[in-house]
Amino acid sequence: MTHDISDEKLRLIAEMDRKIGEFMQKRADVVNKIIYTTATLRAGDAVKIYDQAGVLLGTGTIVQPLFLKRQGIITYRVRRDEGDVFTNEEYRLERID
Protein backbone atom coordinates (compact mmCIF):
# COMPACT_ATOMS: atom_id res chain seq x y z
CA MET A 1 0.00 0.00 0.00
CA THR A 2 1.32 3.47 -0.85
CA HIS A 3 0.20 6.99 -0.04
CA ASP A 4 1.04 10.43 -1.24
CA ILE A 5 2.90 12.88 0.99
CA SER A 6 1.65 16.44 0.99
CA ASP A 7 3.72 19.08 -0.79
CA GLU A 8 4.22 20.86 2.54
CA LYS A 9 5.79 17.76 4.09
CA LEU A 10 7.90 17.16 0.98
CA ARG A 11 9.20 20.75 1.25
CA LEU A 12 9.95 20.17 4.94
CA ILE A 13 11.92 17.01 4.11
CA ALA A 14 13.84 18.83 1.35
CA GLU A 15 14.64 21.73 3.72
CA MET A 16 15.90 19.35 6.42
CA ASP A 17 18.04 17.50 3.87
CA ARG A 18 19.54 20.84 2.77
CA LYS A 19 20.26 21.91 6.36
CA ILE A 20 21.81 18.54 7.21
CA GLY A 21 23.96 18.75 4.08
CA GLU A 22 25.14 22.26 5.03
CA PHE A 23 25.95 21.11 8.57
CA MET A 24 27.89 18.08 7.33
CA GLN A 25 29.89 20.27 4.93
CA LYS A 26 30.75 22.70 7.75
CA ARG A 27 31.78 19.75 9.94
CA ALA A 28 33.97 18.35 7.17
CA ASP A 29 35.59 21.77 6.65
CA VAL A 30 36.43 22.04 10.37
CA VAL A 31 37.78 18.49 10.58
CA ASN A 32 39.90 18.99 7.44
CA LYS A 33 41.30 22.26 8.80
CA ILE A 34 42.27 20.54 12.06
CA ILE A 35 43.91 17.67 10.17
CA TYR A 36 45.88 19.91 7.83
CA THR A 37 47.06 22.27 10.60
CA THR A 38 48.04 19.36 12.89
CA ALA A 39 49.78 17.21 10.28
CA THR A 40 53.56 17.50 10.20
CA LEU A 41 53.82 16.29 6.60
CA ARG A 42 52.05 17.93 3.67
CA ALA A 43 50.76 16.63 0.35
CA GLY A 44 53.68 16.42 -2.06
CA ASP A 45 56.38 16.01 0.61
CA ALA A 46 59.02 13.43 -0.33
CA VAL A 47 59.54 10.80 2.38
CA LYS A 48 61.68 7.79 3.23
CA ILE A 49 59.63 4.75 4.26
CA TYR A 50 60.90 2.52 7.08
CA ASP A 51 59.42 -0.66 8.55
CA GLN A 52 58.96 -1.17 12.32
CA ALA A 53 62.53 -2.49 12.63
CA GLY A 54 63.92 0.68 11.04
CA VAL A 55 64.83 -0.93 7.71
CA LEU A 56 64.54 1.47 4.77
CA LEU A 57 61.90 0.10 2.39
CA GLY A 58 62.00 2.86 -0.19
CA THR A 59 60.83 6.38 -0.87
CA GLY A 60 57.59 8.04 -1.87
CA THR A 61 55.46 11.15 -1.59
CA ILE A 62 52.61 12.14 0.70
CA VAL A 63 49.25 12.05 -1.08
CA GLN A 64 47.27 13.41 1.88
CA PRO A 65 47.06 13.38 5.67
CA LEU A 66 44.20 11.28 7.09
CA PHE A 67 42.46 11.28 10.48
CA LEU A 68 41.72 7.88 12.00
CA LYS A 69 38.86 8.70 14.34
CA ARG A 70 38.84 5.44 16.32
CA GLN A 71 42.54 5.66 17.12
CA GLY A 72 42.53 9.46 17.41
CA ILE A 73 45.63 9.78 15.24
CA ILE A 74 46.72 11.40 12.02
CA THR A 75 48.25 9.07 9.46
CA TYR A 76 49.18 9.59 5.83
CA ARG A 77 48.26 8.20 2.46
CA VAL A 78 51.58 7.65 0.68
CA ARG A 79 52.44 6.85 -2.94
CA ARG A 80 55.62 4.81 -3.23
CA ASP A 81 57.95 5.65 -6.09
CA GLU A 82 57.03 2.20 -7.46
CA GLY A 83 53.44 3.44 -7.81
CA ASP A 84 51.41 1.68 -5.10
CA VAL A 85 49.43 3.76 -2.60
CA PHE A 86 49.08 2.82 1.09
CA THR A 87 48.47 4.29 4.51
CA ASN A 88 51.38 4.33 6.91
CA GLU A 89 50.00 2.91 10.18
CA GLU A 90 52.61 0.13 9.99
CA TYR A 91 55.48 2.25 8.67
CA ARG A 92 57.61 5.14 9.88
CA LEU A 93 58.00 8.09 7.55
CA GLU A 94 60.85 10.58 7.43
CA ARG A 95 60.69 13.76 5.36
CA ILE A 96 63.40 14.12 2.72
CA ASP A 97 64.58 17.74 2.74
PDB file of N, CA and C in Angstrom:
ATOM      1  N   MET A   1       0.845  -1.177   0.000  1.00  0.00           N
ATOM      2  CA  MET A   1       0.000   0.000   0.000  1.00  0.00           C
ATOM      3  C   MET A   1       0.889   1.238   0.000  1.00  0.00           C
ATOM      4  N   THR A   2       0.553   2.222  -0.783  1.00  0.00           N
ATOM      5  CA  THR A   2       1.323   3.471  -0.847  1.00  0.00           C
ATOM      6  C   THR A   2       0.400   4.646  -0.600  1.00  0.00           C
ATOM      7  N   HIS A   3       0.980   5.758  -0.174  1.00  0.00           N
ATOM      8  CA  HIS A   3       0.203   6.988  -0.035  1.00  0.00           C
ATOM      9  C   HIS A   3       1.048   8.156  -0.494  1.00  0.00           C
ATOM     10  N   ASP A   4       0.378   9.189  -0.866  1.00  0.00           N
ATOM     11  CA  ASP A   4       1.043  10.435  -1.239  1.00  0.00           C
ATOM     12  C   ASP A   4       1.435  11.192   0.027  1.00  0.00           C
ATOM     13  N   ILE A   5       2.499  11.967  -0.089  1.00  0.00           N
ATOM     14  CA  ILE A   5       2.900  12.876   0.988  1.00  0.00           C
ATOM     15  C   ILE A   5       2.569  14.275   0.508  1.00  0.00           C
ATOM     16  N   SER A   6       2.051  15.081   1.390  1.00  0.00           N
ATOM     17  CA  SER A   6       1.653  16.436   0.994  1.00  0.00           C
ATOM     18  C   SER A   6       2.877  17.238   0.555  1.00  0.00           C
ATOM     19  N   ASP A   7       2.636  18.217  -0.317  1.00  0.00           N
ATOM     20  CA  ASP A   7       3.717  19.083  -0.795  1.00  0.00           C
ATOM     21  C   ASP A   7       4.407  19.792   0.363  1.00  0.00           C
ATOM     22  N   GLU A   8       3.646  20.181   1.368  1.00  0.00           N
ATOM     23  CA  GLU A   8       4.216  20.859   2.535  1.00  0.00           C
ATOM     24  C   GLU A   8       5.231  19.952   3.242  1.00  0.00           C
ATOM     25  N   LYS A   9       4.883  18.695   3.422  1.00  0.00           N
ATOM     26  CA  LYS A   9       5.793  17.758   4.087  1.00  0.00           C
ATOM     27  C   LYS A   9       6.993  17.434   3.199  1.00  0.00           C
ATOM     28  N   LEU A  10       6.778  17.368   1.890  1.00  0.00           N
ATOM     29  CA  LEU A  10       7.903  17.160   0.979  1.00  0.00           C
ATOM     30  C   LEU A  10       8.876  18.334   1.036  1.00  0.00           C
ATOM     31  N   ARG A  11       8.343  19.564   1.118  1.00  0.00           N
ATOM     32  CA  ARG A  11       9.195  20.748   1.249  1.00  0.00           C
ATOM     33  C   ARG A  11       9.966  20.708   2.566  1.00  0.00           C
ATOM     34  N   LEU A  12       9.301  20.275   3.638  1.00  0.00           N
ATOM     35  CA  LEU A  12       9.949  20.168   4.942  1.00  0.00           C
ATOM     36  C   LEU A  12      11.106  19.158   4.884  1.00  0.00           C
ATOM     37  N   ILE A  13      10.869  18.022   4.251  1.00  0.00           N
ATOM     38  CA  ILE A  13      11.919  17.009   4.105  1.00  0.00           C
ATOM     39  C   ILE A  13      13.086  17.572   3.293  1.00  0.00           C
ATOM     40  N   ALA A  14      12.788  18.254   2.196  1.00  0.00           N
ATOM     41  CA  ALA A  14      13.835  18.831   1.353  1.00  0.00           C
ATOM     42  C   ALA A  14      14.638  19.880   2.125  1.00  0.00           C
ATOM     43  N   GLU A  15      13.960  20.701   2.916  1.00  0.00           N
ATOM     44  CA  GLU A  15      14.640  21.729   3.716  1.00  0.00           C
ATOM     45  C   GLU A  15      15.551  21.081   4.763  1.00  0.00           C
ATOM     46  N   MET A  16      15.076  20.041   5.422  1.00  0.00           N
ATOM     47  CA  MET A  16      15.895  19.347   6.419  1.00  0.00           C
ATOM     48  C   MET A  16      17.109  18.692   5.754  1.00  0.00           C
ATOM     49  N   ASP A  17      16.918  18.088   4.599  1.00  0.00           N
ATOM     50  CA  ASP A  17      18.044  17.498   3.869  1.00  0.00           C
ATOM     51  C   ASP A  17      19.083  18.560   3.530  1.00  0.00           C
ATOM     52  N   ARG A  18      18.623  19.741   3.106  1.00  0.00           N
ATOM     53  CA  ARG A  18      19.537  20.835   2.766  1.00  0.00           C
ATOM     54  C   ARG A  18      20.309  21.282   4.005  1.00  0.00           C
ATOM     55  N   LYS A  19      19.603  21.455   5.132  1.00  0.00           N
ATOM     56  CA  LYS A  19      20.262  21.908   6.365  1.00  0.00           C
ATOM     57  C   LYS A  19      21.261  20.871   6.872  1.00  0.00           C
ATOM     58  N   ILE A  20      20.890  19.600   6.795  1.00  0.00           N
ATOM     59  CA  ILE A  20      21.808  18.536   7.213  1.00  0.00           C
ATOM     60  C   ILE A  20      23.042  18.537   6.312  1.00  0.00           C
ATOM     61  N   GLY A  21      22.842  18.697   5.021  1.00  0.00           N
ATOM     62  CA  GLY A  21      23.964  18.755   4.081  1.00  0.00           C
ATOM     63  C   GLY A  21      24.892  19.918   4.381  1.00  0.00           C
ATOM     64  N   GLU A  22      24.322  21.097   4.680  1.00  0.00           N
ATOM     65  CA  GLU A  22      25.142  22.263   5.026  1.00  0.00           C
ATOM     66  C   GLU A  22      25.931  22.005   6.304  1.00  0.00           C
ATOM     67  N   PHE A  23      25.273  21.416   7.311  1.00  0.00           N
ATOM     68  CA  PHE A  23      25.951  21.112   8.567  1.00  0.00           C
ATOM     69  C   PHE A  23      27.100  20.135   8.346  1.00  0.00           C
ATOM     70  N   MET A  24      26.850  19.081   7.572  1.00  0.00           N
ATOM     71  CA  MET A  24      27.885  18.079   7.331  1.00  0.00           C
ATOM     72  C   MET A  24      29.065  18.690   6.572  1.00  0.00           C
ATOM     73  N   GLN A  25      28.800  19.617   5.652  1.00  0.00           N
ATOM     74  CA  GLN A  25      29.887  20.273   4.929  1.00  0.00           C
ATOM     75  C   GLN A  25      30.707  21.139   5.879  1.00  0.00           C
ATOM     76  N   LYS A  26      30.030  21.879   6.772  1.00  0.00           N
ATOM     77  CA  LYS A  26      30.754  22.696   7.755  1.00  0.00           C
ATOM     78  C   LYS A  26      31.592  21.812   8.662  1.00  0.00           C
ATOM     79  N   ARG A  27      31.037  20.683   9.087  1.00  0.00           N
ATOM     80  CA  ARG A  27      31.776  19.746   9.936  1.00  0.00           C
ATOM     81  C   ARG A  27      33.010  19.239   9.208  1.00  0.00           C
ATOM     82  N   ALA A  28      32.840  18.846   7.955  1.00  0.00           N
ATOM     83  CA  ALA A  28      33.970  18.348   7.167  1.00  0.00           C
ATOM     84  C   ALA A  28      35.039  19.424   7.010  1.00  0.00           C
ATOM     85  N   ASP A  29      34.627  20.668   6.791  1.00  0.00           N
ATOM     86  CA  ASP A  29      35.585  21.766   6.653  1.00  0.00           C
ATOM     87  C   ASP A  29      36.401  21.948   7.929  1.00  0.00           C
ATOM     88  N   VAL A  30      35.734  21.884   9.086  1.00  0.00           N
ATOM     89  CA  VAL A  30      36.426  22.044  10.370  1.00  0.00           C
ATOM     90  C   VAL A  30      37.384  20.883  10.607  1.00  0.00           C
ATOM     91  N   VAL A  31      36.928  19.664  10.384  1.00  0.00           N
ATOM     92  CA  VAL A  31      37.785  18.488  10.581  1.00  0.00           C
ATOM     93  C   VAL A  31      38.994  18.558   9.654  1.00  0.00           C
ATOM     94  N   ASN A  32      38.784  18.898   8.386  1.00  0.00           N
ATOM     95  CA  ASN A  32      39.899  18.994   7.442  1.00  0.00           C
ATOM     96  C   ASN A  32      40.893  20.065   7.861  1.00  0.00           C
ATOM     97  N   LYS A  33      40.400  21.197   8.346  1.00  0.00           N
ATOM     98  CA  LYS A  33      41.301  22.265   8.796  1.00  0.00           C
ATOM     99  C   LYS A  33      42.149  21.777   9.965  1.00  0.00           C
ATOM    100  N   ILE A  34      41.531  21.082  10.917  1.00  0.00           N
ATOM    101  CA  ILE A  34      42.274  20.543  12.060  1.00  0.00           C
ATOM    102  C   ILE A  34      43.329  19.550  11.584  1.00  0.00           C
ATOM    103  N   ILE A  35      42.958  18.663  10.678  1.00  0.00           N
ATOM    104  CA  ILE A  35      43.906  17.666  10.168  1.00  0.00           C
ATOM    105  C   ILE A  35      45.088  18.353   9.495  1.00  0.00           C
ATOM    106  N   TYR A  36      44.809  19.291   8.597  1.00  0.00           N
ATOM    107  CA  TYR A  36      45.882  19.913   7.835  1.00  0.00           C
ATOM    108  C   TYR A  36      46.754  20.828   8.683  1.00  0.00           C
ATOM    109  N   THR A  37      46.216  21.435   9.738  1.00  0.00           N
ATOM    110  CA  THR A  37      47.056  22.270  10.599  1.00  0.00           C
ATOM    111  C   THR A  37      47.843  21.432  11.599  1.00  0.00           C
ATOM    112  N   THR A  38      47.364  20.237  11.932  1.00  0.00           N
ATOM    113  CA  THR A  38      48.037  19.362  12.894  1.00  0.00           C
ATOM    114  C   THR A  38      49.085  18.481  12.226  1.00  0.00           C
ATOM    115  N   ALA A  39      48.869  18.121  10.986  1.00  0.00           N
ATOM    116  CA  ALA A  39      49.777  17.210  10.277  1.00  0.00           C
ATOM    117  C   ALA A  39      51.167  17.827  10.142  1.00  0.00           C
ATOM    118  N   THR A  40      52.189  17.008  10.343  1.00  0.00           N
ATOM    119  CA  THR A  40      53.560  17.497  10.201  1.00  0.00           C
ATOM    120  C   THR A  40      54.081  17.333   8.780  1.00  0.00           C
ATOM    121  N   LEU A  41      53.456  16.470   8.008  1.00  0.00           N
ATOM    122  CA  LEU A  41      53.816  16.286   6.605  1.00  0.00           C
ATOM    123  C   LEU A  41      52.685  16.818   5.739  1.00  0.00           C
ATOM    124  N   ARG A  42      53.030  17.341   4.583  1.00  0.00           N
ATOM    125  CA  ARG A  42      52.049  17.927   3.668  1.00  0.00           C
ATOM    126  C   ARG A  42      52.004  17.140   2.358  1.00  0.00           C
ATOM    127  N   ALA A  43      50.892  17.273   1.657  1.00  0.00           N
ATOM    128  CA  ALA A  43      50.762  16.635   0.347  1.00  0.00           C
ATOM    129  C   ALA A  43      51.920  17.087  -0.535  1.00  0.00           C
ATOM    130  N   GLY A  44      52.552  16.126  -1.186  1.00  0.00           N
ATOM    131  CA  GLY A  44      53.677  16.418  -2.063  1.00  0.00           C
ATOM    132  C   GLY A  44      55.042  16.275  -1.410  1.00  0.00           C
ATOM    133  N   ASP A  45      55.097  16.190  -0.068  1.00  0.00           N
ATOM    134  CA  ASP A  45      56.384  16.010   0.610  1.00  0.00           C
ATOM    135  C   ASP A  45      56.994  14.666   0.225  1.00  0.00           C
ATOM    136  N   ALA A  46      58.290  14.676  -0.066  1.00  0.00           N
ATOM    137  CA  ALA A  46      59.017  13.432  -0.331  1.00  0.00           C
ATOM    138  C   ALA A  46      59.402  12.809   1.005  1.00  0.00           C
ATOM    139  N   VAL A  47      59.247  11.485   1.119  1.00  0.00           N
ATOM    140  CA  VAL A  47      59.539  10.796   2.381  1.00  0.00           C
ATOM    141  C   VAL A  47      60.308   9.505   2.138  1.00  0.00           C
ATOM    142  N   LYS A  48      61.090   9.128   3.167  1.00  0.00           N
ATOM    143  CA  LYS A  48      61.684   7.794   3.226  1.00  0.00           C
ATOM    144  C   LYS A  48      60.717   6.931   4.020  1.00  0.00           C
ATOM    145  N   ILE A  49      60.572   5.675   3.625  1.00  0.00           N
ATOM    146  CA  ILE A  49      59.630   4.754   4.265  1.00  0.00           C
ATOM    147  C   ILE A  49      60.423   3.648   4.958  1.00  0.00           C
ATOM    148  N   TYR A  50      60.202   3.526   6.274  1.00  0.00           N
ATOM    149  CA  TYR A  50      60.898   2.516   7.077  1.00  0.00           C
ATOM    150  C   TYR A  50      59.880   1.546   7.659  1.00  0.00           C
ATOM    151  N   ASP A  51      60.294   0.284   7.857  1.00  0.00           N
ATOM    152  CA  ASP A  51      59.421  -0.661   8.553  1.00  0.00           C
ATOM    153  C   ASP A  51      59.596  -0.479  10.061  1.00  0.00           C
ATOM    154  N   GLN A  52      58.908  -1.297  10.858  1.00  0.00           N
ATOM    155  CA  GLN A  52      58.959  -1.170  12.315  1.00  0.00           C
ATOM    156  C   GLN A  52      60.358  -1.417  12.873  1.00  0.00           C
ATOM    157  N   ALA A  53      61.168  -2.201  12.171  1.00  0.00           N
ATOM    158  CA  ALA A  53      62.527  -2.494  12.625  1.00  0.00           C
ATOM    159  C   ALA A  53      63.517  -1.406  12.216  1.00  0.00           C
ATOM    160  N   GLY A  54      63.044  -0.397  11.477  1.00  0.00           N
ATOM    161  CA  GLY A  54      63.921   0.684  11.042  1.00  0.00           C
ATOM    162  C   GLY A  54      64.643   0.425   9.740  1.00  0.00           C
ATOM    163  N   VAL A  55      64.222  -0.603   9.004  1.00  0.00           N
ATOM    164  CA  VAL A  55      64.831  -0.928   7.713  1.00  0.00           C
ATOM    165  C   VAL A  55      64.195  -0.060   6.634  1.00  0.00           C
ATOM    166  N   LEU A  56      65.036   0.624   5.855  1.00  0.00           N
ATOM    167  CA  LEU A  56      64.544   1.470   4.772  1.00  0.00           C
ATOM    168  C   LEU A  56      63.910   0.604   3.692  1.00  0.00           C
ATOM    169  N   LEU A  57      62.633   0.875   3.400  1.00  0.00           N
ATOM    170  CA  LEU A  57      61.904   0.104   2.390  1.00  0.00           C
ATOM    171  C   LEU A  57      61.866   0.802   1.041  1.00  0.00           C
ATOM    172  N   GLY A  58      62.058   2.112   1.044  1.00  0.00           N
ATOM    173  CA  GLY A  58      61.997   2.864  -0.193  1.00  0.00           C
ATOM    174  C   GLY A  58      61.621   4.304   0.077  1.00  0.00           C
ATOM    175  N   THR A  59      61.226   4.983  -0.982  1.00  0.00           N
ATOM    176  CA  THR A  59      60.828   6.381  -0.868  1.00  0.00           C
ATOM    177  C   THR A  59      59.478   6.576  -1.546  1.00  0.00           C
ATOM    178  N   GLY A  60      58.879   7.718  -1.271  1.00  0.00           N
ATOM    179  CA  GLY A  60      57.592   8.041  -1.873  1.00  0.00           C
ATOM    180  C   GLY A  60      57.218   9.480  -1.596  1.00  0.00           C
ATOM    181  N   THR A  61      55.967   9.805  -1.858  1.00  0.00           N
ATOM    182  CA  THR A  61      55.461  11.150  -1.589  1.00  0.00           C
ATOM    183  C   THR A  61      54.136  11.056  -0.850  1.00  0.00           C
ATOM    184  N   ILE A  62      53.868  12.071  -0.043  1.00  0.00           N
ATOM    185  CA  ILE A  62      52.613  12.144   0.696  1.00  0.00           C
ATOM    186  C   ILE A  62      51.499  12.515  -0.277  1.00  0.00           C
ATOM    187  N   VAL A  63      50.430  11.731  -0.275  1.00  0.00           N
ATOM    188  CA  VAL A  63      49.251  12.048  -1.077  1.00  0.00           C
ATOM    189  C   VAL A  63      48.343  12.964  -0.262  1.00  0.00           C
ATOM    190  N   GLN A  64      48.083  12.583   1.003  1.00  0.00           N
ATOM    191  CA  GLN A  64      47.266  13.415   1.879  1.00  0.00           C
ATOM    192  C   GLN A  64      47.334  12.899   3.312  1.00  0.00           C
ATOM    193  N   PRO A  65      47.198  13.823   4.280  1.00  0.00           N
ATOM    194  CA  PRO A  65      47.057  13.378   5.667  1.00  0.00           C
ATOM    195  C   PRO A  65      45.642  12.854   5.889  1.00  0.00           C
ATOM    196  N   LEU A  66      45.499  11.879   6.781  1.00  0.00           N
ATOM    197  CA  LEU A  66      44.201  11.280   7.095  1.00  0.00           C
ATOM    198  C   LEU A  66      44.015  11.265   8.604  1.00  0.00           C
ATOM    199  N   PHE A  67      42.770  11.361   9.056  1.00  0.00           N
ATOM    200  CA  PHE A  67      42.456  11.276  10.479  1.00  0.00           C
ATOM    201  C   PHE A  67      41.772   9.948  10.735  1.00  0.00           C
ATOM    202  N   LEU A  68      42.343   9.142  11.615  1.00  0.00           N
ATOM    203  CA  LEU A  68      41.722   7.876  12.003  1.00  0.00           C
ATOM    204  C   LEU A  68      40.981   8.120  13.304  1.00  0.00           C
ATOM    205  N   LYS A  69      39.677   8.286  13.201  1.00  0.00           N
ATOM    206  CA  LYS A  69      38.860   8.698  14.342  1.00  0.00           C
ATOM    207  C   LYS A  69      38.934   7.717  15.506  1.00  0.00           C
ATOM    208  N   ARG A  70      38.842   6.431  15.226  1.00  0.00           N
ATOM    209  CA  ARG A  70      38.844   5.437  16.316  1.00  0.00           C
ATOM    210  C   ARG A  70      40.130   5.467  17.122  1.00  0.00           C
ATOM    211  N   GLN A  71      41.260   5.630  16.427  1.00  0.00           N
ATOM    212  CA  GLN A  71      42.541   5.663  17.123  1.00  0.00           C
ATOM    213  C   GLN A  71      42.901   7.068  17.590  1.00  0.00           C
ATOM    214  N   GLY A  72      42.228   8.080  17.049  1.00  0.00           N
ATOM    215  CA  GLY A  72      42.530   9.459  17.410  1.00  0.00           C
ATOM    216  C   GLY A  72      43.903   9.901  16.939  1.00  0.00           C
ATOM    217  N   ILE A  73      44.301   9.443  15.751  1.00  0.00           N
ATOM    218  CA  ILE A  73      45.626   9.779  15.236  1.00  0.00           C
ATOM    219  C   ILE A  73      45.534  10.298  13.805  1.00  0.00           C
ATOM    220  N   ILE A  74      46.580  11.008  13.415  1.00  0.00           N
ATOM    221  CA  ILE A  74      46.725  11.400  12.016  1.00  0.00           C
ATOM    222  C   ILE A  74      47.716  10.437  11.389  1.00  0.00           C
ATOM    223  N   THR A  75      47.365   9.928  10.241  1.00  0.00           N
ATOM    224  CA  THR A  75      48.249   9.070   9.462  1.00  0.00           C
ATOM    225  C   THR A  75      48.330   9.680   8.066  1.00  0.00           C
ATOM    226  N   TYR A  76      48.981   9.018   7.163  1.00  0.00           N
ATOM    227  CA  TYR A  76      49.178   9.591   5.834  1.00  0.00           C
ATOM    228  C   TYR A  76      48.918   8.554   4.752  1.00  0.00           C
ATOM    229  N   ARG A  77      48.347   9.017   3.660  1.00  0.00           N
ATOM    230  CA  ARG A  77      48.262   8.195   2.455  1.00  0.00           C
ATOM    231  C   ARG A  77      49.532   8.523   1.668  1.00  0.00           C
ATOM    232  N   VAL A  78      50.270   7.484   1.310  1.00  0.00           N
ATOM    233  CA  VAL A  78      51.580   7.647   0.681  1.00  0.00           C
ATOM    234  C   VAL A  78      51.600   6.903  -0.651  1.00  0.00           C
ATOM    235  N   ARG A  79      52.221   7.530  -1.652  1.00  0.00           N
ATOM    236  CA  ARG A  79      52.440   6.854  -2.942  1.00  0.00           C
ATOM    237  C   ARG A  79      53.934   6.528  -3.024  1.00  0.00           C
ATOM    238  N   ARG A  80      54.224   5.228  -3.074  1.00  0.00           N
ATOM    239  CA  ARG A  80      55.625   4.813  -3.235  1.00  0.00           C
ATOM    240  C   ARG A  80      56.100   5.195  -4.630  1.00  0.00           C
ATOM    241  N   ASP A  81      57.389   5.353  -4.774  1.00  0.00           N
ATOM    242  CA  ASP A  81      57.951   5.652  -6.094  1.00  0.00           C
ATOM    243  C   ASP A  81      57.628   4.548  -7.093  1.00  0.00           C
ATOM    244  N   GLU A  82      57.394   3.318  -6.587  1.00  0.00           N
ATOM    245  CA  GLU A  82      57.028   2.196  -7.461  1.00  0.00           C
ATOM    246  C   GLU A  82      55.578   2.304  -7.939  1.00  0.00           C
ATOM    247  N   GLY A  83      54.789   3.198  -7.336  1.00  0.00           N
ATOM    248  CA  GLY A  83      53.437   3.442  -7.814  1.00  0.00           C
ATOM    249  C   GLY A  83      52.307   3.044  -6.895  1.00  0.00           C
ATOM    250  N   ASP A  84      52.522   2.099  -5.955  1.00  0.00           N
ATOM    251  CA  ASP A  84      51.406   1.682  -5.102  1.00  0.00           C
ATOM    252  C   ASP A  84      51.127   2.735  -4.027  1.00  0.00           C
ATOM    253  N   VAL A  85      49.875   2.797  -3.601  1.00  0.00           N
ATOM    254  CA  VAL A  85      49.434   3.759  -2.596  1.00  0.00           C
ATOM    255  C   VAL A  85      49.025   2.983  -1.350  1.00  0.00           C
ATOM    256  N   PHE A  86      49.410   3.486  -0.171  1.00  0.00           N
ATOM    257  CA  PHE A  86      49.085   2.817   1.086  1.00  0.00           C
ATOM    258  C   PHE A  86      48.954   3.854   2.189  1.00  0.00           C
ATOM    259  N   THR A  87      48.442   3.436   3.326  1.00  0.00           N
ATOM    260  CA  THR A  87      48.467   4.289   4.514  1.00  0.00           C
ATOM    261  C   THR A  87      49.562   3.772   5.431  1.00  0.00           C
ATOM    262  N   ASN A  88      50.139   4.662   6.221  1.00  0.00           N
ATOM    263  CA  ASN A  88      51.384   4.325   6.909  1.00  0.00           C
ATOM    264  C   ASN A  88      51.244   3.876   8.355  1.00  0.00           C
ATOM    265  N   GLU A  89      50.118   3.326   8.780  1.00  0.00           N
ATOM    266  CA  GLU A  89      50.005   2.908  10.181  1.00  0.00           C
ATOM    267  C   GLU A  89      51.111   1.941  10.591  1.00  0.00           C
ATOM    268  N   GLU A  90      51.597   1.134   9.672  1.00  0.00           N
ATOM    269  CA  GLU A  90      52.613   0.125   9.992  1.00  0.00           C
ATOM    270  C   GLU A  90      54.026   0.571   9.633  1.00  0.00           C
ATOM    271  N   TYR A  91      54.181   1.782   9.141  1.00  0.00           N
ATOM    272  CA  TYR A  91      55.480   2.247   8.672  1.00  0.00           C
ATOM    273  C   TYR A  91      55.842   3.569   9.341  1.00  0.00           C
ATOM    274  N   ARG A  92      57.141   3.850   9.385  1.00  0.00           N
ATOM    275  CA  ARG A  92      57.610   5.136   9.881  1.00  0.00           C
ATOM    276  C   ARG A  92      58.040   5.953   8.671  1.00  0.00           C
ATOM    277  N   LEU A  93      57.660   7.216   8.659  1.00  0.00           N
ATOM    278  CA  LEU A  93      58.003   8.092   7.546  1.00  0.00           C
ATOM    279  C   LEU A  93      58.976   9.158   8.017  1.00  0.00           C
ATOM    280  N   GLU A  94      59.891   9.518   7.135  1.00  0.00           N
ATOM    281  CA  GLU A  94      60.847  10.583   7.434  1.00  0.00           C
ATOM    282  C   GLU A  94      60.897  11.504   6.226  1.00  0.00           C
ATOM    283  N   ARG A  95      60.683  12.790   6.467  1.00  0.00           N
ATOM    284  CA  ARG A  95      60.690  13.756   5.359  1.00  0.00           C
ATOM    285  C   ARG A  95      62.091  13.841   4.753  1.00  0.00           C
ATOM    286  N   ILE A  96      62.144  13.901   3.434  1.00  0.00           N
ATOM    287  CA  ILE A  96      63.400  14.117   2.717  1.00  0.00           C
ATOM    288  C   ILE A  96      63.465  15.604   2.405  1.00  0.00           C
ATOM    289  N   ASP A  97      64.461  16.277   2.963  1.00  0.00           N
ATOM    290  CA  ASP A  97      64.578  17.737   2.737  1.00  0.00           C
ATOM    291  C   ASP A  97      65.344  18.065   1.496  1.00  0.00           C
TER     292      ASP A  97
END
